[in-house]
C-alpha cells in the first residue's frame, strides 16, 4: 500500500495504483484506509508521532463503481445445502436462517420468550455482539429501528423449536 503525491492535483492519493489496477475492492481499500488512520491517530495521541499523515490523504471514492450483486439462494440451492448437513440442530438453525430471513446473530439471541407458538411468530429484538470482551454486553439492541420486527414463523421452524432446537 502506498500514499502517493498526485502530480495533477498536488494532493496525496491513497493506494492510487491499486485503484487504477482495480486489484482490490473499494471496501477492502477503505478498511485499510480507516485502519491506518486509526493507527496514526493512536501514534499522535500516544505522542509517538507529531501529526497524522492520513489527514493529507485523499481517498478516491470511486463513485461510479457498482456494488457486486448479492447472490440469493433459491429453494433448490438450500435443499442441496441442507442435505449435506448431518446434525439435526444445525439443520434447524440453517432452516430458521433461510426460511425466516434472520441473520445468524439474530438467531443466536433468540430466547423462548421471543417465540409465540400460539400466534406462530418470532420477535426479533436483539442481536449478538461477539466482539465485546464483556459477556454481559453480548446481547445488544439492533443497530437500526428497522431491525426490530415480528415475523410469521413457518410450521417447519416451529417444529424445530419444539423438538429442542
N, C-alpha and C. Protein backbone atom coordinates (compact mmCIF):
# COMPACT_ATOMS: atom_id res chain seq x y z
N UNK A 1 0.84 -1.17 0.00
CA UNK A 1 0.00 0.00 0.00
C UNK A 1 0.89 1.24 0.00
N UNK A 2 0.48 2.22 -0.73
CA UNK A 2 1.33 3.40 -0.83
C UNK A 2 0.49 4.66 -0.78
N UNK A 3 1.08 5.70 -0.26
CA UNK A 3 0.49 7.03 -0.31
C UNK A 3 1.35 7.79 -1.31
N UNK A 4 0.72 8.27 -2.38
CA UNK A 4 1.46 8.92 -3.45
C UNK A 4 0.99 10.35 -3.63
N UNK A 5 1.86 11.18 -4.14
CA UNK A 5 1.51 12.54 -4.48
C UNK A 5 0.94 12.54 -5.89
N UNK A 6 -0.31 13.01 -6.02
CA UNK A 6 -0.95 13.12 -7.33
C UNK A 6 -0.40 14.38 -8.00
N UNK A 7 0.33 14.22 -9.10
CA UNK A 7 1.01 15.34 -9.74
C UNK A 7 0.03 16.35 -10.35
N UNK A 8 -1.16 15.89 -10.74
CA UNK A 8 -2.15 16.80 -11.33
C UNK A 8 -2.75 17.73 -10.27
N UNK A 9 -3.14 17.15 -9.13
CA UNK A 9 -3.83 17.93 -8.11
C UNK A 9 -2.91 18.44 -7.02
N UNK A 10 -1.73 17.84 -6.88
CA UNK A 10 -0.81 18.23 -5.82
C UNK A 10 -1.21 17.67 -4.47
N UNK A 11 -2.18 16.76 -4.45
CA UNK A 11 -2.64 16.16 -3.19
C UNK A 11 -2.15 14.72 -3.10
N UNK A 12 -2.09 14.25 -1.88
CA UNK A 12 -1.70 12.86 -1.67
C UNK A 12 -2.85 11.93 -2.01
N UNK A 13 -2.52 10.81 -2.61
CA UNK A 13 -3.54 9.83 -3.02
C UNK A 13 -3.22 8.50 -2.36
N UNK A 14 -4.20 7.94 -1.68
CA UNK A 14 -4.01 6.66 -1.00
C UNK A 14 -4.22 5.53 -1.99
N UNK A 15 -3.23 4.70 -2.14
CA UNK A 15 -3.30 3.50 -2.96
C UNK A 15 -3.79 3.78 -4.37
N UNK A 16 -3.31 4.86 -4.96
CA UNK A 16 -3.75 5.24 -6.29
C UNK A 16 -3.54 4.16 -7.33
N UNK A 17 -2.41 3.49 -7.28
CA UNK A 17 -2.12 2.44 -8.25
C UNK A 17 -3.07 1.27 -8.09
N UNK A 18 -3.40 0.98 -6.87
CA UNK A 18 -4.31 -0.14 -6.63
C UNK A 18 -5.67 0.16 -7.25
N UNK A 19 -6.14 1.39 -7.09
CA UNK A 19 -7.42 1.75 -7.69
C UNK A 19 -7.37 1.64 -9.21
N UNK A 20 -6.28 2.12 -9.80
CA UNK A 20 -6.17 2.11 -11.25
C UNK A 20 -6.14 0.69 -11.79
N UNK A 21 -5.50 -0.21 -11.06
CA UNK A 21 -5.42 -1.60 -11.50
C UNK A 21 -6.71 -2.36 -11.20
N UNK A 22 -7.60 -1.75 -10.37
CA UNK A 22 -8.84 -2.43 -9.97
C UNK A 22 -8.51 -3.77 -9.31
N UNK A 23 -7.39 -3.81 -8.60
CA UNK A 23 -6.96 -5.06 -8.00
C UNK A 23 -7.74 -5.39 -6.72
N UNK A 24 -8.05 -4.39 -5.91
CA UNK A 24 -8.74 -4.60 -4.66
C UNK A 24 -10.09 -3.88 -4.66
N UNK A 25 -11.02 -4.39 -3.89
CA UNK A 25 -12.35 -3.78 -3.85
C UNK A 25 -12.30 -2.47 -3.09
N UNK A 26 -13.30 -1.67 -3.32
CA UNK A 26 -13.43 -0.39 -2.63
C UNK A 26 -13.53 -0.61 -1.12
N UNK A 27 -14.28 -1.61 -0.71
CA UNK A 27 -14.46 -1.89 0.71
C UNK A 27 -13.14 -2.29 1.37
N UNK A 28 -12.35 -3.09 0.67
CA UNK A 28 -11.06 -3.54 1.20
C UNK A 28 -10.12 -2.36 1.39
N UNK A 29 -10.04 -1.51 0.40
CA UNK A 29 -9.15 -0.34 0.48
C UNK A 29 -9.63 0.60 1.58
N UNK A 30 -10.95 0.75 1.73
CA UNK A 30 -11.49 1.61 2.79
C UNK A 30 -11.13 1.08 4.17
N UNK A 31 -11.21 -0.24 4.35
CA UNK A 31 -10.83 -0.82 5.64
C UNK A 31 -9.38 -0.52 5.96
N UNK A 32 -8.51 -0.63 4.96
CA UNK A 32 -7.09 -0.34 5.18
C UNK A 32 -6.90 1.14 5.50
N UNK A 33 -7.60 2.00 4.75
CA UNK A 33 -7.51 3.44 4.98
C UNK A 33 -7.90 3.78 6.41
N UNK A 34 -9.04 3.26 6.86
CA UNK A 34 -9.51 3.58 8.21
C UNK A 34 -8.62 2.97 9.29
N UNK A 35 -8.06 1.80 9.01
CA UNK A 35 -7.11 1.21 9.96
C UNK A 35 -5.88 2.09 10.11
N UNK A 36 -5.31 2.51 8.97
CA UNK A 36 -4.12 3.35 9.02
C UNK A 36 -4.42 4.68 9.71
N UNK A 37 -5.59 5.24 9.44
CA UNK A 37 -6.00 6.49 10.07
C UNK A 37 -6.05 6.32 11.59
N UNK A 38 -6.65 5.22 12.04
CA UNK A 38 -6.73 4.93 13.47
C UNK A 38 -5.33 4.76 14.07
N UNK A 39 -4.49 4.07 13.34
CA UNK A 39 -3.12 3.82 13.79
C UNK A 39 -2.36 5.14 13.96
N UNK A 40 -2.47 6.03 12.98
CA UNK A 40 -1.80 7.32 13.07
C UNK A 40 -2.38 8.16 14.20
N UNK A 41 -3.69 8.11 14.39
CA UNK A 41 -4.31 8.86 15.49
C UNK A 41 -3.78 8.36 16.84
N UNK A 42 -3.64 7.05 16.96
CA UNK A 42 -3.08 6.47 18.17
C UNK A 42 -1.65 6.97 18.37
N UNK A 43 -0.87 7.01 17.29
CA UNK A 43 0.51 7.48 17.37
C UNK A 43 0.59 8.92 17.84
N UNK A 44 -0.34 9.76 17.37
CA UNK A 44 -0.36 11.17 17.78
C UNK A 44 -0.78 11.27 19.25
N UNK A 45 -1.84 10.55 19.62
CA UNK A 45 -2.34 10.57 20.99
C UNK A 45 -1.28 10.07 21.98
N UNK A 46 -0.56 9.04 21.59
CA UNK A 46 0.47 8.46 22.46
C UNK A 46 1.80 9.21 22.36
N UNK A 47 1.82 10.26 21.53
CA UNK A 47 2.99 11.11 21.33
C UNK A 47 4.19 10.37 20.73
N UNK A 48 3.91 9.36 19.91
CA UNK A 48 4.97 8.68 19.17
C UNK A 48 5.33 9.49 17.91
N UNK A 49 4.31 10.16 17.35
CA UNK A 49 4.50 11.00 16.16
C UNK A 49 3.82 12.34 16.42
N UNK A 50 4.17 13.34 15.61
CA UNK A 50 3.64 14.69 15.84
C UNK A 50 2.32 14.94 15.13
N UNK A 51 2.14 14.33 13.96
CA UNK A 51 0.90 14.61 13.22
C UNK A 51 0.41 13.36 12.50
N UNK A 52 -0.86 13.37 12.19
CA UNK A 52 -1.49 12.27 11.47
C UNK A 52 -1.35 12.52 9.98
N UNK A 53 -0.48 11.78 9.34
CA UNK A 53 -0.24 11.95 7.90
C UNK A 53 -1.47 11.60 7.07
N UNK A 54 -2.36 10.82 7.62
CA UNK A 54 -3.54 10.41 6.86
C UNK A 54 -4.51 11.57 6.63
N UNK A 55 -4.38 12.68 7.36
CA UNK A 55 -5.25 13.83 7.13
C UNK A 55 -4.99 14.47 5.77
N UNK A 56 -3.82 14.19 5.21
CA UNK A 56 -3.46 14.75 3.90
C UNK A 56 -3.79 13.80 2.74
N UNK A 57 -4.24 12.63 3.08
CA UNK A 57 -4.50 11.62 2.05
C UNK A 57 -5.93 11.77 1.54
N UNK A 58 -6.05 11.88 0.24
CA UNK A 58 -7.37 11.98 -0.40
C UNK A 58 -7.76 10.60 -0.89
N UNK A 59 -8.93 10.17 -0.48
CA UNK A 59 -9.39 8.85 -0.94
C UNK A 59 -10.16 9.00 -2.24
N UNK A 60 -9.93 8.09 -3.14
CA UNK A 60 -10.71 8.01 -4.37
C UNK A 60 -11.98 7.23 -4.02
N UNK A 61 -13.11 7.90 -3.99
CA UNK A 61 -14.35 7.25 -3.55
C UNK A 61 -14.95 6.31 -4.59
N UNK A 62 -14.47 6.38 -5.80
CA UNK A 62 -14.96 5.50 -6.88
C UNK A 62 -16.49 5.49 -6.93
N UNK A 63 -17.04 6.66 -7.09
CA UNK A 63 -18.49 6.82 -7.05
C UNK A 63 -19.21 6.08 -8.17
N UNK A 64 -18.53 5.87 -9.28
CA UNK A 64 -19.17 5.20 -10.43
C UNK A 64 -19.12 3.68 -10.33
N UNK A 65 -18.44 3.17 -9.31
CA UNK A 65 -18.31 1.72 -9.18
C UNK A 65 -19.61 1.12 -8.64
N UNK A 66 -20.07 0.09 -9.31
CA UNK A 66 -21.28 -0.61 -8.86
C UNK A 66 -20.90 -1.68 -7.85
N UNK A 67 -21.76 -1.84 -6.85
CA UNK A 67 -21.53 -2.90 -5.88
C UNK A 67 -21.80 -4.23 -6.54
N UNK A 68 -21.09 -5.23 -6.05
CA UNK A 68 -21.28 -6.57 -6.57
C UNK A 68 -22.65 -7.09 -6.14
N UNK A 69 -23.35 -7.71 -7.07
CA UNK A 69 -24.68 -8.25 -6.77
C UNK A 69 -24.58 -9.35 -5.73
N UNK A 70 -25.51 -9.33 -4.79
CA UNK A 70 -25.54 -10.35 -3.76
C UNK A 70 -26.21 -11.60 -4.33
N UNK A 71 -25.62 -12.74 -4.05
CA UNK A 71 -26.20 -14.00 -4.50
C UNK A 71 -27.24 -14.44 -3.49
N UNK A 72 -28.47 -14.64 -3.93
CA UNK A 72 -29.55 -15.06 -3.05
C UNK A 72 -29.93 -16.48 -3.42
N UNK A 73 -29.96 -17.32 -2.39
CA UNK A 73 -30.30 -18.71 -2.62
C UNK A 73 -31.77 -18.88 -2.95
N UNK A 74 -32.03 -19.77 -3.87
CA UNK A 74 -33.39 -20.20 -4.16
C UNK A 74 -33.64 -21.48 -3.36
N UNK A 75 -34.86 -21.95 -3.37
CA UNK A 75 -35.22 -23.16 -2.62
C UNK A 75 -34.34 -24.34 -3.03
N UNK A 76 -34.09 -24.47 -4.32
CA UNK A 76 -33.27 -25.56 -4.84
C UNK A 76 -31.87 -25.54 -4.23
N UNK A 77 -31.26 -24.34 -4.15
CA UNK A 77 -29.92 -24.20 -3.59
C UNK A 77 -29.91 -24.62 -2.12
N UNK A 78 -30.93 -24.17 -1.39
CA UNK A 78 -31.00 -24.51 0.03
C UNK A 78 -31.19 -26.01 0.22
N UNK A 79 -32.02 -26.61 -0.60
CA UNK A 79 -32.26 -28.06 -0.48
C UNK A 79 -30.97 -28.85 -0.70
N UNK A 80 -30.16 -28.43 -1.68
CA UNK A 80 -28.87 -29.10 -1.91
C UNK A 80 -27.95 -28.94 -0.71
N UNK A 81 -27.93 -27.75 -0.14
CA UNK A 81 -27.07 -27.48 1.00
C UNK A 81 -27.51 -28.28 2.23
N UNK A 82 -28.80 -28.26 2.54
CA UNK A 82 -29.28 -28.85 3.79
C UNK A 82 -29.15 -30.37 3.79
N UNK A 83 -29.12 -30.98 2.60
CA UNK A 83 -28.90 -32.43 2.50
C UNK A 83 -27.53 -32.82 3.04
N UNK A 84 -26.56 -31.91 2.95
CA UNK A 84 -25.19 -32.20 3.37
C UNK A 84 -24.97 -31.96 4.86
N UNK A 85 -25.93 -31.36 5.54
CA UNK A 85 -25.79 -31.07 6.97
C UNK A 85 -26.23 -32.30 7.75
N UNK A 86 -25.36 -32.77 8.64
CA UNK A 86 -25.64 -34.00 9.38
C UNK A 86 -26.38 -33.78 10.70
N UNK A 87 -25.99 -32.77 11.45
CA UNK A 87 -26.57 -32.56 12.77
C UNK A 87 -27.96 -31.94 12.68
N UNK A 88 -28.90 -32.51 13.43
CA UNK A 88 -30.28 -32.03 13.42
C UNK A 88 -30.37 -30.59 13.91
N UNK A 89 -29.60 -30.25 14.95
CA UNK A 89 -29.65 -28.90 15.49
C UNK A 89 -29.19 -27.88 14.44
N UNK A 90 -28.14 -28.22 13.68
CA UNK A 90 -27.66 -27.31 12.65
C UNK A 90 -28.64 -27.21 11.49
N UNK A 91 -29.32 -28.31 11.18
CA UNK A 91 -30.37 -28.25 10.14
C UNK A 91 -31.45 -27.27 10.55
N UNK A 92 -31.84 -27.33 11.81
CA UNK A 92 -32.85 -26.40 12.32
C UNK A 92 -32.35 -24.96 12.26
N UNK A 93 -31.11 -24.77 12.69
CA UNK A 93 -30.53 -23.43 12.69
C UNK A 93 -30.52 -22.84 11.28
N UNK A 94 -30.01 -23.60 10.32
CA UNK A 94 -29.96 -23.10 8.94
C UNK A 94 -31.36 -22.91 8.35
N UNK A 95 -32.29 -23.77 8.73
CA UNK A 95 -33.66 -23.62 8.25
C UNK A 95 -34.29 -22.33 8.76
N UNK A 96 -34.06 -22.03 10.02
CA UNK A 96 -34.58 -20.78 10.59
C UNK A 96 -33.95 -19.59 9.87
N UNK A 97 -32.65 -19.65 9.62
CA UNK A 97 -31.99 -18.55 8.90
C UNK A 97 -32.59 -18.38 7.51
N UNK A 98 -32.75 -19.48 6.80
CA UNK A 98 -33.21 -19.40 5.41
C UNK A 98 -34.69 -19.00 5.32
N UNK A 99 -35.54 -19.72 6.05
CA UNK A 99 -36.98 -19.50 5.90
C UNK A 99 -37.48 -18.24 6.59
N UNK A 100 -36.80 -17.84 7.68
CA UNK A 100 -37.24 -16.65 8.41
C UNK A 100 -36.50 -15.39 7.97
N UNK A 101 -35.42 -15.56 7.23
CA UNK A 101 -34.65 -14.40 6.78
C UNK A 101 -33.88 -13.75 7.92
N UNK A 102 -33.49 -14.54 8.91
CA UNK A 102 -32.74 -14.00 10.04
C UNK A 102 -31.25 -13.98 9.74
N UNK A 103 -30.58 -13.05 10.37
CA UNK A 103 -29.12 -13.07 10.37
C UNK A 103 -28.70 -14.03 11.47
N UNK A 104 -27.49 -14.58 11.36
CA UNK A 104 -27.06 -15.57 12.35
C UNK A 104 -27.02 -14.96 13.74
N UNK A 105 -26.60 -13.69 13.84
CA UNK A 105 -26.53 -13.03 15.15
C UNK A 105 -27.92 -12.87 15.77
N UNK A 106 -28.92 -12.64 14.94
CA UNK A 106 -30.29 -12.53 15.44
C UNK A 106 -30.80 -13.88 15.92
N UNK A 107 -30.50 -14.92 15.16
CA UNK A 107 -30.95 -16.27 15.54
C UNK A 107 -30.27 -16.73 16.82
N UNK A 108 -29.02 -16.36 17.00
CA UNK A 108 -28.27 -16.79 18.19
C UNK A 108 -28.81 -16.15 19.47
N UNK A 109 -29.53 -15.05 19.35
CA UNK A 109 -30.05 -14.36 20.54
C UNK A 109 -31.49 -14.74 20.86
N UNK A 110 -32.10 -15.58 20.05
CA UNK A 110 -33.50 -15.94 20.30
C UNK A 110 -33.63 -16.62 21.67
N UNK A 111 -34.67 -16.21 22.37
CA UNK A 111 -34.99 -16.81 23.65
C UNK A 111 -36.43 -17.32 23.56
N UNK A 112 -36.80 -18.20 24.48
CA UNK A 112 -38.13 -18.78 24.42
C UNK A 112 -39.21 -17.71 24.48
N UNK A 113 -38.96 -16.63 25.20
CA UNK A 113 -39.97 -15.56 25.30
C UNK A 113 -40.16 -14.82 23.96
N UNK A 114 -39.22 -14.99 23.01
CA UNK A 114 -39.33 -14.33 21.70
C UNK A 114 -40.20 -15.14 20.73
N UNK A 115 -40.53 -16.38 21.09
CA UNK A 115 -41.29 -17.26 20.19
C UNK A 115 -42.71 -17.42 20.73
N UNK A 116 -43.68 -17.06 19.91
CA UNK A 116 -45.09 -17.21 20.29
C UNK A 116 -45.66 -18.36 19.46
N UNK A 117 -45.77 -19.53 20.09
CA UNK A 117 -46.24 -20.72 19.38
C UNK A 117 -47.70 -20.59 18.98
N UNK A 118 -48.49 -19.89 19.81
CA UNK A 118 -49.93 -19.75 19.52
C UNK A 118 -50.15 -18.87 18.28
N UNK A 119 -49.45 -17.73 18.23
CA UNK A 119 -49.59 -16.82 17.09
C UNK A 119 -48.67 -17.20 15.93
N UNK A 120 -47.75 -18.12 16.17
CA UNK A 120 -46.76 -18.57 15.19
C UNK A 120 -45.90 -17.40 14.68
N UNK A 121 -45.35 -16.67 15.67
CA UNK A 121 -44.49 -15.53 15.34
C UNK A 121 -43.18 -15.59 16.13
N UNK A 122 -42.19 -14.89 15.61
CA UNK A 122 -40.91 -14.72 16.30
C UNK A 122 -40.66 -13.22 16.39
N UNK A 123 -40.29 -12.78 17.58
CA UNK A 123 -39.99 -11.37 17.82
C UNK A 123 -38.48 -11.17 17.76
N UNK A 124 -38.02 -10.37 16.82
CA UNK A 124 -36.59 -10.07 16.67
C UNK A 124 -36.35 -8.73 17.34
N UNK A 125 -35.66 -8.74 18.48
CA UNK A 125 -35.48 -7.50 19.25
C UNK A 125 -34.07 -7.33 19.82
N UNK A 126 -33.14 -8.17 19.40
CA UNK A 126 -31.77 -8.04 19.87
C UNK A 126 -30.83 -8.72 18.87
N UNK A 127 -29.55 -8.43 19.04
CA UNK A 127 -28.54 -9.04 18.20
C UNK A 127 -27.36 -9.43 19.09
N UNK A 128 -26.44 -10.16 18.54
CA UNK A 128 -25.33 -10.74 19.28
C UNK A 128 -24.04 -10.06 18.85
N UNK A 129 -23.32 -9.48 19.80
CA UNK A 129 -22.05 -8.81 19.51
C UNK A 129 -20.92 -9.62 20.12
N UNK A 130 -20.38 -10.53 19.36
CA UNK A 130 -19.34 -11.42 19.85
C UNK A 130 -17.99 -10.74 20.00
N UNK A 131 -17.84 -9.54 19.49
CA UNK A 131 -16.54 -8.86 19.56
C UNK A 131 -16.34 -8.20 20.93
N UNK A 132 -17.39 -8.06 21.70
CA UNK A 132 -17.28 -7.47 23.03
C UNK A 132 -16.54 -8.42 23.96
N UNK A 133 -15.67 -7.89 24.79
CA UNK A 133 -14.93 -8.72 25.73
C UNK A 133 -15.80 -9.13 26.92
N UNK A 134 -16.69 -8.24 27.32
CA UNK A 134 -17.56 -8.49 28.48
C UNK A 134 -18.79 -9.28 28.03
N UNK A 135 -18.97 -10.52 28.52
CA UNK A 135 -20.13 -11.34 28.10
C UNK A 135 -21.48 -10.69 28.40
N UNK A 136 -21.52 -9.77 29.37
CA UNK A 136 -22.77 -9.08 29.68
C UNK A 136 -23.19 -8.12 28.56
N UNK A 137 -22.29 -7.82 27.66
CA UNK A 137 -22.60 -6.90 26.55
C UNK A 137 -22.82 -7.63 25.22
N UNK A 138 -22.86 -8.96 25.26
CA UNK A 138 -23.01 -9.70 24.01
C UNK A 138 -24.39 -9.54 23.40
N UNK A 139 -25.42 -9.43 24.22
CA UNK A 139 -26.77 -9.21 23.70
C UNK A 139 -27.01 -7.71 23.67
N UNK A 140 -27.25 -7.19 22.48
CA UNK A 140 -27.46 -5.75 22.33
C UNK A 140 -28.70 -5.49 21.49
N UNK A 141 -29.26 -4.29 21.59
CA UNK A 141 -30.38 -3.95 20.71
C UNK A 141 -29.89 -3.88 19.26
N UNK A 142 -30.78 -4.10 18.30
CA UNK A 142 -30.37 -3.98 16.89
C UNK A 142 -29.86 -2.58 16.58
N UNK A 143 -29.05 -2.47 15.52
CA UNK A 143 -28.44 -1.20 15.15
C UNK A 143 -29.48 -0.16 14.72
N UNK A 144 -30.50 -0.62 13.99
CA UNK A 144 -31.49 0.33 13.47
C UNK A 144 -32.89 -0.08 13.90
N UNK A 145 -33.81 0.88 13.86
CA UNK A 145 -35.20 0.59 14.21
C UNK A 145 -35.83 -0.40 13.24
N UNK A 146 -35.38 -0.41 11.99
CA UNK A 146 -35.92 -1.35 11.01
C UNK A 146 -35.58 -2.80 11.33
N UNK A 147 -34.57 -3.01 12.17
CA UNK A 147 -34.17 -4.37 12.52
C UNK A 147 -35.09 -4.98 13.57
N UNK A 148 -35.85 -4.15 14.28
CA UNK A 148 -36.87 -4.68 15.20
C UNK A 148 -38.04 -5.15 14.35
N UNK A 149 -38.44 -6.40 14.53
CA UNK A 149 -39.57 -6.89 13.74
C UNK A 149 -40.17 -8.13 14.36
N UNK A 150 -41.39 -8.39 14.00
CA UNK A 150 -42.07 -9.63 14.38
C UNK A 150 -42.40 -10.34 13.08
N UNK A 151 -41.93 -11.57 12.94
CA UNK A 151 -42.10 -12.31 11.69
C UNK A 151 -42.97 -13.53 11.90
N UNK A 152 -43.76 -13.83 10.89
CA UNK A 152 -44.52 -15.08 10.90
C UNK A 152 -43.55 -16.23 10.83
N UNK A 153 -43.80 -17.24 11.61
CA UNK A 153 -42.91 -18.39 11.68
C UNK A 153 -43.56 -19.57 10.97
N UNK A 154 -42.82 -20.21 10.10
CA UNK A 154 -43.33 -21.38 9.39
C UNK A 154 -43.47 -22.55 10.35
N UNK A 155 -44.42 -23.43 10.09
CA UNK A 155 -44.66 -24.61 10.91
C UNK A 155 -43.36 -25.43 11.03
N UNK A 156 -42.64 -25.54 9.92
CA UNK A 156 -41.38 -26.30 9.90
C UNK A 156 -40.41 -25.76 10.96
N UNK A 157 -40.29 -24.45 11.05
CA UNK A 157 -39.37 -23.83 12.02
C UNK A 157 -39.90 -24.01 13.44
N UNK A 158 -41.20 -23.88 13.63
CA UNK A 158 -41.78 -24.07 14.96
C UNK A 158 -41.53 -25.48 15.47
N UNK A 159 -41.62 -26.46 14.57
CA UNK A 159 -41.35 -27.84 14.96
C UNK A 159 -39.90 -28.01 15.40
N UNK A 160 -38.98 -27.33 14.73
CA UNK A 160 -37.57 -27.37 15.14
C UNK A 160 -37.43 -26.85 16.56
N UNK A 161 -38.12 -25.74 16.86
CA UNK A 161 -38.04 -25.17 18.22
C UNK A 161 -38.65 -26.13 19.24
N UNK A 162 -39.80 -26.70 18.90
CA UNK A 162 -40.47 -27.60 19.83
C UNK A 162 -39.65 -28.85 20.11
N UNK A 163 -38.89 -29.30 19.12
CA UNK A 163 -38.09 -30.52 19.29
C UNK A 163 -36.74 -30.25 19.95
N UNK A 164 -36.59 -29.07 20.52
CA UNK A 164 -35.38 -28.81 21.30
C UNK A 164 -34.26 -28.17 20.54
N UNK A 165 -34.57 -27.29 19.63
CA UNK A 165 -33.55 -26.55 18.90
C UNK A 165 -32.62 -25.97 19.92
